[in-house]
PDB file of N, CA and C in Angstrom:
ATOM      1  N   MET A   1      60.023-114.046 -34.735  1.00  0.00           N
ATOM      2  CA  MET A   1      58.668-113.468 -35.067  1.00  0.00           C
ATOM      3  C   MET A   1      58.444-112.039 -34.617  1.00  0.00           C
ATOM      4  N   ALA A   2      59.172-111.593 -33.539  1.00  0.00           N
ATOM      5  CA  ALA A   2      59.055-110.472 -33.020  1.00  0.00           C
ATOM      6  C   ALA A   2      59.497-109.260 -33.947  1.00  0.00           C
ATOM      7  N   ALA A   3      60.416-109.509 -34.877  1.00  0.00           N
ATOM      8  CA  ALA A   3      61.047-108.625 -35.998  1.00  0.00           C
ATOM      9  C   ALA A   3      60.341-108.670 -37.109  1.00  0.00           C
ATOM     10  N   GLU A   4      59.268-109.502 -37.397  1.00  0.00           N
ATOM     11  CA  GLU A   4      58.455-109.602 -38.647  1.00  0.00           C
ATOM     12  C   GLU A   4      57.629-108.249 -38.787  1.00  0.00           C
ATOM     13  N   PRO A   5      57.750-107.526 -39.852  1.00  0.00           N
ATOM     14  CA  PRO A   5      56.924-106.508 -40.101  1.00  0.00           C
ATOM     15  C   PRO A   5      55.400-106.548 -40.050  1.00  0.00           C
ATOM     16  N   ALA A   6      55.130-107.646 -40.372  1.00  0.00           N
ATOM     17  CA  ALA A   6      53.513-107.934 -40.293  1.00  0.00           C
ATOM     18  C   ALA A   6      53.083-108.116 -38.762  1.00  0.00           C
ATOM     19  N   VAL A   7      53.989-108.670 -38.054  1.00  0.00           N
ATOM     20  CA  VAL A   7      53.647-108.744 -36.636  1.00  0.00           C
ATOM     21  C   VAL A   7      53.452-107.330 -35.876  1.00  0.00           C
ATOM     22  N   ILE A   8      54.667-106.416 -36.147  1.00  0.00           N
ATOM     23  CA  ILE A   8      54.682-105.118 -35.755  1.00  0.00           C
ATOM     24  C   ILE A   8      53.618-104.439 -36.146  1.00  0.00           C
ATOM     25  N   GLU A   9      53.032-104.517 -37.437  1.00  0.00           N
ATOM     26  CA  GLU A   9      51.917-103.622 -37.942  1.00  0.00           C
ATOM     27  C   GLU A   9      50.676-104.085 -37.230  1.00  0.00           C
ATOM     28  N   GLU A  10      50.538-105.452 -37.059  1.00  0.00           N
ATOM     29  CA  GLU A  10      49.291-105.957 -36.370  1.00  0.00           C
ATOM     30  C   GLU A  10      49.214-105.372 -34.937  1.00  0.00           C
ATOM     31  N   VAL A  11      50.348-105.482 -34.198  1.00  0.00           N
ATOM     32  CA  VAL A  11      50.414-104.792 -32.836  1.00  0.00           C
ATOM     33  C   VAL A  11      50.162-103.374 -32.701  1.00  0.00           C
ATOM     34  N   GLU A  12      50.749-102.734 -33.739  1.00  0.00           N
ATOM     35  CA  GLU A  12      50.353-101.182 -33.913  1.00  0.00           C
ATOM     36  C   GLU A  12      48.951-100.998 -34.099  1.00  0.00           C
ATOM     37  N   ALA A  13      48.337-101.822 -34.914  1.00  0.00           N
ATOM     38  CA  ALA A  13      46.933-101.613 -35.064  1.00  0.00           C
ATOM     39  C   ALA A  13      45.956-101.779 -33.889  1.00  0.00           C
ATOM     40  N   GLY A  14      46.408-102.839 -33.178  1.00  0.00           N
ATOM     41  CA  GLY A  14      45.854-103.135 -32.170  1.00  0.00           C
ATOM     42  C   GLY A  14      45.882-102.162 -30.965  1.00  0.00           C
ATOM     43  N   VAL A  15      47.082-101.575 -30.882  1.00  0.00           N
ATOM     44  CA  VAL A  15      47.322-100.570 -29.783  1.00  0.00           C
ATOM     45  C   VAL A  15      46.568 -99.232 -30.289  1.00  0.00           C
ATOM     46  N   ALA A  16      46.576 -98.945 -31.554  1.00  0.00           N
ATOM     47  CA  ALA A  16      45.689 -97.853 -32.055  1.00  0.00           C
ATOM     48  C   ALA A  16      44.253 -98.025 -31.767  1.00  0.00           C
ATOM     49  N   ARG A  17      43.634 -99.189 -31.890  1.00  0.00           N
ATOM     50  CA  ARG A  17      42.321 -99.467 -31.620  1.00  0.00           C
ATOM     51  C   ARG A  17      42.013 -99.392 -30.098  1.00  0.00           C
ATOM     52  N   ALA A  18      42.927 -99.739 -29.330  1.00  0.00           N
ATOM     53  CA  ALA A  18      42.894 -99.626 -27.903  1.00  0.00           C
ATOM     54  C   ALA A  18      42.897 -98.242 -27.383  1.00  0.00           C
ATOM     55  N   ASN A  19      43.857 -97.436 -27.929  1.00  0.00           N
ATOM     56  CA  ASN A  19      44.012 -96.184 -27.645  1.00  0.00           C
ATOM     57  C   ASN A  19      43.010 -95.192 -28.007  1.00  0.00           C
ATOM     58  N   SER A  20      42.144 -95.626 -28.967  1.00  0.00           N
ATOM     59  CA  SER A  20      41.059 -94.767 -29.458  1.00  0.00           C
ATOM     60  C   SER A  20      39.963 -94.800 -28.413  1.00  0.00           C
ATOM     61  N   HIS A  21      39.907 -95.865 -27.512  1.00  0.00           N
ATOM     62  CA  HIS A  21      38.959 -95.648 -26.350  1.00  0.00           C
ATOM     63  C   HIS A  21      39.526 -95.226 -25.101  1.00  0.00           C
ATOM     64  N   LEU A  22      40.659 -94.774 -24.962  1.00  0.00           N
ATOM     65  CA  LEU A  22      41.282 -94.212 -23.818  1.00  0.00           C
ATOM     66  C   LEU A  22      41.483 -92.835 -23.735  1.00  0.00           C
ATOM     67  N   SER A  23      41.633 -92.097 -22.642  1.00  0.00           N
ATOM     68  CA  SER A  23      42.028 -90.709 -22.643  1.00  0.00           C
ATOM     69  C   SER A  23      43.589 -90.622 -23.076  1.00  0.00           C
ATOM     70  N   ARG A  24      44.012 -89.466 -23.286  1.00  0.00           N
ATOM     71  CA  ARG A  24      45.375 -89.235 -23.742  1.00  0.00           C
ATOM     72  C   ARG A  24      46.363 -89.769 -22.646  1.00  0.00           C
ATOM     73  N   VAL A  25      46.224 -89.446 -21.428  1.00  0.00           N
ATOM     74  CA  VAL A  25      47.168 -89.952 -20.536  1.00  0.00           C
ATOM     75  C   VAL A  25      47.186 -91.454 -20.114  1.00  0.00           C
ATOM     76  N   GLU A  26      46.079 -92.064 -20.639  1.00  0.00           N
ATOM     77  CA  GLU A  26      46.007 -93.403 -20.478  1.00  0.00           C
ATOM     78  C   GLU A  26      46.674 -94.312 -21.755  1.00  0.00           C
ATOM     79  N   GLN A  27      46.859 -93.586 -22.801  1.00  0.00           N
ATOM     80  CA  GLN A  27      47.180 -94.375 -24.113  1.00  0.00           C
ATOM     81  C   GLN A  27      48.626 -94.827 -24.132  1.00  0.00           C
ATOM     82  N   ILE A  28      48.828 -95.776 -24.806  1.00  0.00           N
ATOM     83  CA  ILE A  28      50.113 -96.441 -25.036  1.00  0.00           C
ATOM     84  C   ILE A  28      50.853 -95.533 -26.068  1.00  0.00           C
ATOM     85  N   LYS A  29      51.975 -95.246 -25.559  1.00  0.00           N
ATOM     86  CA  LYS A  29      52.767 -94.107 -26.535  1.00  0.00           C
ATOM     87  C   LYS A  29      53.853 -94.924 -27.363  1.00  0.00           C
ATOM     88  N   ARG A  30      54.566 -95.881 -26.596  1.00  0.00           N
ATOM     89  CA  ARG A  30      55.633 -96.549 -27.091  1.00  0.00           C
ATOM     90  C   ARG A  30      55.565 -98.149 -26.594  1.00  0.00           C
ATOM     91  N   PHE A  31      55.980 -99.025 -27.484  1.00  0.00           N
ATOM     92  CA  PHE A  31      56.132-100.356 -26.987  1.00  0.00           C
ATOM     93  C   PHE A  31      57.105-101.119 -27.710  1.00  0.00           C
ATOM     94  N   THR A  32      57.392-102.182 -27.251  1.00  0.00           N
ATOM     95  CA  THR A  32      58.332-103.124 -27.930  1.00  0.00           C
ATOM     96  C   THR A  32      57.851-104.571 -27.905  1.00  0.00           C
ATOM     97  N   VAL A  33      58.103-105.379 -29.062  1.00  0.00           N
ATOM     98  CA  VAL A  33      57.711-106.817 -29.038  1.00  0.00           C
ATOM     99  C   VAL A  33      58.827-107.633 -28.599  1.00  0.00           C
ATOM    100  N   LEU A  34      58.751-108.312 -27.504  1.00  0.00           N
ATOM    101  CA  LEU A  34      59.909-109.047 -27.164  1.00  0.00           C
ATOM    102  C   LEU A  34      60.134-110.261 -27.915  1.00  0.00           C
ATOM    103  N   PRO A  35      61.195-110.840 -28.150  1.00  0.00           N
ATOM    104  CA  PRO A  35      61.320-112.065 -28.941  1.00  0.00           C
ATOM    105  C   PRO A  35      61.523-113.355 -28.103  1.00  0.00           C
ATOM    106  N   CYS A  36      60.534-113.484 -27.150  1.00  0.00           N
ATOM    107  CA  CYS A  36      60.474-114.653 -26.188  1.00  0.00           C
ATOM    108  C   CYS A  36      58.916-114.847 -25.873  1.00  0.00           C
ATOM    109  N   ASP A  37      58.778-115.839 -25.415  1.00  0.00           N
ATOM    110  CA  ASP A  37      57.344-116.310 -24.781  1.00  0.00           C
ATOM    111  C   ASP A  37      57.504-116.171 -23.338  1.00  0.00           C
ATOM    112  N   TRP A  38      56.195-116.025 -22.742  1.00  0.00           N
ATOM    113  CA  TRP A  38      56.144-115.936 -21.215  1.00  0.00           C
ATOM    114  C   TRP A  38      55.088-117.041 -20.781  1.00  0.00           C
ATOM    115  N   PRO A  39      55.756-118.168 -20.540  1.00  0.00           N
ATOM    116  CA  PRO A  39      54.962-119.371 -20.018  1.00  0.00           C
ATOM    117  C   PRO A  39      54.410-119.364 -18.842  1.00  0.00           C
ATOM    118  N   PRO A  40      53.183-119.609 -18.362  1.00  0.00           N
ATOM    119  CA  PRO A  40      52.722-119.736 -17.027  1.00  0.00           C
ATOM    120  C   PRO A  40      53.678-120.316 -16.013  1.00  0.00           C
ATOM    121  N   ALA A  41      53.707-119.630 -15.023  1.00  0.00           N
ATOM    122  CA  ALA A  41      54.539-120.125 -13.871  1.00  0.00           C
ATOM    123  C   ALA A  41      56.101-119.902 -14.124  1.00  0.00           C
ATOM    124  N   GLY A  42      56.354-119.182 -15.318  1.00  0.00           N
ATOM    125  CA  GLY A  42      57.757-118.775 -15.646  1.00  0.00           C
ATOM    126  C   GLY A  42      58.183-117.626 -14.791  1.00  0.00           C
ATOM    127  N   ASP A  43      59.351-116.966 -15.401  1.00  0.00           N
ATOM    128  CA  ASP A  43      59.741-115.692 -14.506  1.00  0.00           C
ATOM    129  C   ASP A  43      58.788-114.525 -14.587  1.00  0.00           C
ATOM    130  N   GLU A  44      58.136-114.327 -15.582  1.00  0.00           N
ATOM    131  CA  GLU A  44      57.286-113.110 -15.793  1.00  0.00           C
ATOM    132  C   GLU A  44      55.624-113.448 -15.397  1.00  0.00           C
ATOM    133  N   LEU A  45      55.297-114.598 -15.297  1.00  0.00           N
ATOM    134  CA  LEU A  45      53.862-114.853 -15.129  1.00  0.00           C
ATOM    135  C   LEU A  45      53.693-115.817 -13.932  1.00  0.00           C
ATOM    136  N   THR A  46      52.642-115.563 -13.058  1.00  0.00           N
ATOM    137  CA  THR A  46      52.250-116.553 -12.051  1.00  0.00           C
ATOM    138  C   THR A  46      51.497-117.743 -12.856  1.00  0.00           C
ATOM    139  N   PRO A  47      51.262-118.931 -12.068  1.00  0.00           N
ATOM    140  CA  PRO A  47      50.500-119.922 -12.724  1.00  0.00           C
ATOM    141  C   PRO A  47      49.038-119.605 -13.061  1.00  0.00           C
ATOM    142  N   THR A  48      48.503-118.489 -12.551  1.00  0.00           N
ATOM    143  CA  THR A  48      47.337-117.830 -12.881  1.00  0.00           C
ATOM    144  C   THR A  48      47.283-116.751 -13.854  1.00  0.00           C
ATOM    145  N   MET A  49      48.424-116.679 -14.497  1.00  0.00           N
ATOM    146  CA  MET A  49      48.699-115.592 -15.578  1.00  0.00           C
ATOM    147  C   MET A  49      48.640-114.184 -15.166  1.00  0.00           C
ATOM    148  N   LYS A  50      49.059-113.948 -13.856  1.00  0.00           N
ATOM    149  CA  LYS A  50      49.219-112.531 -13.378  1.00  0.00           C
ATOM    150  C   LYS A  50      50.680-112.282 -13.610  1.00  0.00           C
ATOM    151  N   LEU A  51      50.857-110.953 -13.926  1.00  0.00           N
ATOM    152  CA  LEU A  51      52.265-110.467 -13.999  1.00  0.00           C
ATOM    153  C   LEU A  51      53.043-110.512 -12.761  1.00  0.00           C
ATOM    154  N   LYS A  52      54.280-110.743 -12.912  1.00  0.00           N
ATOM    155  CA  LYS A  52      55.219-110.668 -11.807  1.00  0.00           C
ATOM    156  C   LYS A  52      56.134-109.414 -12.056  1.00  0.00           C
ATOM    157  N   ARG A  53      55.531-108.323 -11.660  1.00  0.00           N
ATOM    158  CA  ARG A  53      56.183-107.046 -11.822  1.00  0.00           C
ATOM    159  C   ARG A  53      57.493-106.801 -11.658  1.00  0.00           C
ATOM    160  N   ARG A  54      58.078-107.183 -10.480  1.00  0.00           N
ATOM    161  CA  ARG A  54      59.463-106.918 -10.056  1.00  0.00           C
ATOM    162  C   ARG A  54      60.322-107.699 -10.794  1.00  0.00           C
ATOM    163  N   PRO A  55      60.182-108.908 -11.221  1.00  0.00           N
ATOM    164  CA  PRO A  55      61.193-109.656 -12.099  1.00  0.00           C
ATOM    165  C   PRO A  55      61.063-109.134 -13.453  1.00  0.00           C
ATOM    166  N   ILE A  56      59.946-108.725 -13.851  1.00  0.00           N
ATOM    167  CA  ILE A  56      59.854-108.120 -15.327  1.00  0.00           C
ATOM    168  C   ILE A  56      60.764-107.004 -15.474  1.00  0.00           C
ATOM    169  N   ILE A  57      60.607-106.065 -14.417  1.00  0.00           N
ATOM    170  CA  ILE A  57      61.285-104.789 -14.350  1.00  0.00           C
ATOM    171  C   ILE A  57      62.781-105.071 -14.328  1.00  0.00           C
ATOM    172  N   GLU A  58      63.283-106.091 -13.498  1.00  0.00           N
ATOM    173  CA  GLU A  58      64.534-106.418 -13.440  1.00  0.00           C
ATOM    174  C   GLU A  58      65.254-107.089 -14.612  1.00  0.00           C
ATOM    175  N   LYS A  59      64.384-108.020 -15.129  1.00  0.00           N
ATOM    176  CA  LYS A  59      64.922-108.633 -16.495  1.00  0.00           C
ATOM    177  C   LYS A  59      64.906-107.784 -17.601  1.00  0.00           C
ATOM    178  N   TYR A  60      63.959-106.952 -17.740  1.00  0.00           N
ATOM    179  CA  TYR A  60      63.823-106.207 -19.009  1.00  0.00           C
ATOM    180  C   TYR A  60      64.175-104.709 -18.670  1.00  0.00           C
ATOM    181  N   ALA A  61      65.114-104.351 -17.893  1.00  0.00           N
ATOM    182  CA  ALA A  61      65.350-103.113 -17.513  1.00  0.00           C
ATOM    183  C   ALA A  61      65.970-102.316 -18.683  1.00  0.00           C
ATOM    184  N   SER A  62      66.919-102.927 -19.421  1.00  0.00           N
ATOM    185  CA  SER A  62      67.450-102.200 -20.607  1.00  0.00           C
ATOM    186  C   SER A  62      66.523-101.889 -21.534  1.00  0.00           C
ATOM    187  N   GLN A  63      65.543-102.776 -21.919  1.00  0.00           N
ATOM    188  CA  GLN A  63      64.399-102.574 -22.929  1.00  0.00           C
ATOM    189  C   GLN A  63      63.486-101.383 -22.396  1.00  0.00           C
ATOM    190  N   ILE A  64      63.152-101.440 -21.220  1.00  0.00           N
ATOM    191  CA  ILE A  64      62.253-100.264 -20.657  1.00  0.00           C
ATOM    192  C   ILE A  64      62.918 -99.126 -20.624  1.00  0.00           C
ATOM    193  N   GLU A  65      64.143 -99.045 -20.111  1.00  0.00           N
ATOM    194  CA  GLU A  65      65.022 -97.892 -20.257  1.00  0.00           C
ATOM    195  C   GLU A  65      65.045 -97.225 -21.742  1.00  0.00           C
ATOM    196  N   ALA A  66      65.114 -98.099 -22.658  1.00  0.00           N
ATOM    197  CA  ALA A  66      65.193 -97.742 -24.133  1.00  0.00           C
ATOM    198  C   ALA A  66      63.983 -97.006 -24.612  1.00  0.00           C
ATOM    199  N   LEU A  67      62.789 -97.644 -24.024  1.00  0.00           N
ATOM    200  CA  LEU A  67      61.666 -96.967 -24.502  1.00  0.00           C
ATOM    201  C   LEU A  67      61.460 -95.543 -24.066  1.00  0.00           C
ATOM    202  N   TYR A  68      62.013 -95.252 -22.893  1.00  0.00           N
ATOM    203  CA  TYR A  68      61.825 -93.844 -22.296  1.00  0.00           C
ATOM    204  C   TYR A  68      63.004 -92.804 -22.753  1.00  0.00           C
ATOM    205  N   SER A  69      63.981 -93.545 -23.177  1.00  0.00           N
ATOM    206  CA  SER A  69      65.241 -92.786 -23.808  1.00  0.00           C
ATOM    207  C   SER A  69      64.924 -92.219 -25.118  1.00  0.00           C
ATOM    208  N   ARG A  70      63.998 -92.871 -25.894  1.00  0.00           N
ATOM    209  CA  ARG A  70      63.974 -92.463 -27.345  1.00  0.00           C
ATOM    210  C   ARG A  70      63.446 -91.096 -27.344  1.00  0.00           C
ATOM    211  N   THR A  71      63.759 -90.532 -28.478  1.00  0.00           N
ATOM    212  CA  THR A  71      63.282 -88.950 -28.691  1.00  0.00           C
ATOM    213  C   THR A  71      62.334 -88.873 -29.731  1.00  0.00           C
TER     214      THR A  71
END
C-alpha cells in the first residue's frame, strides 16, 4: 500500500494542509511512507503509542539518510 500513488497523493495533501499552518522552519519538507505497520509495544512504539526514537533512528537509518541526501 505504501507504493500506491493514491496513498502517496493523500499523504502529500495532508502534509500540505499541515504545512499551511506552520512557519517555514517547522514545515515538513520531505517524507517517505514505509511499507510496514507499527503496532503498539513493537519496536517503534510504546504500549501507550509514544515513539521510541532511538530504535526508529537505528532501524530506519538508511531511509532517513536517503531523505537528507536527495537533491
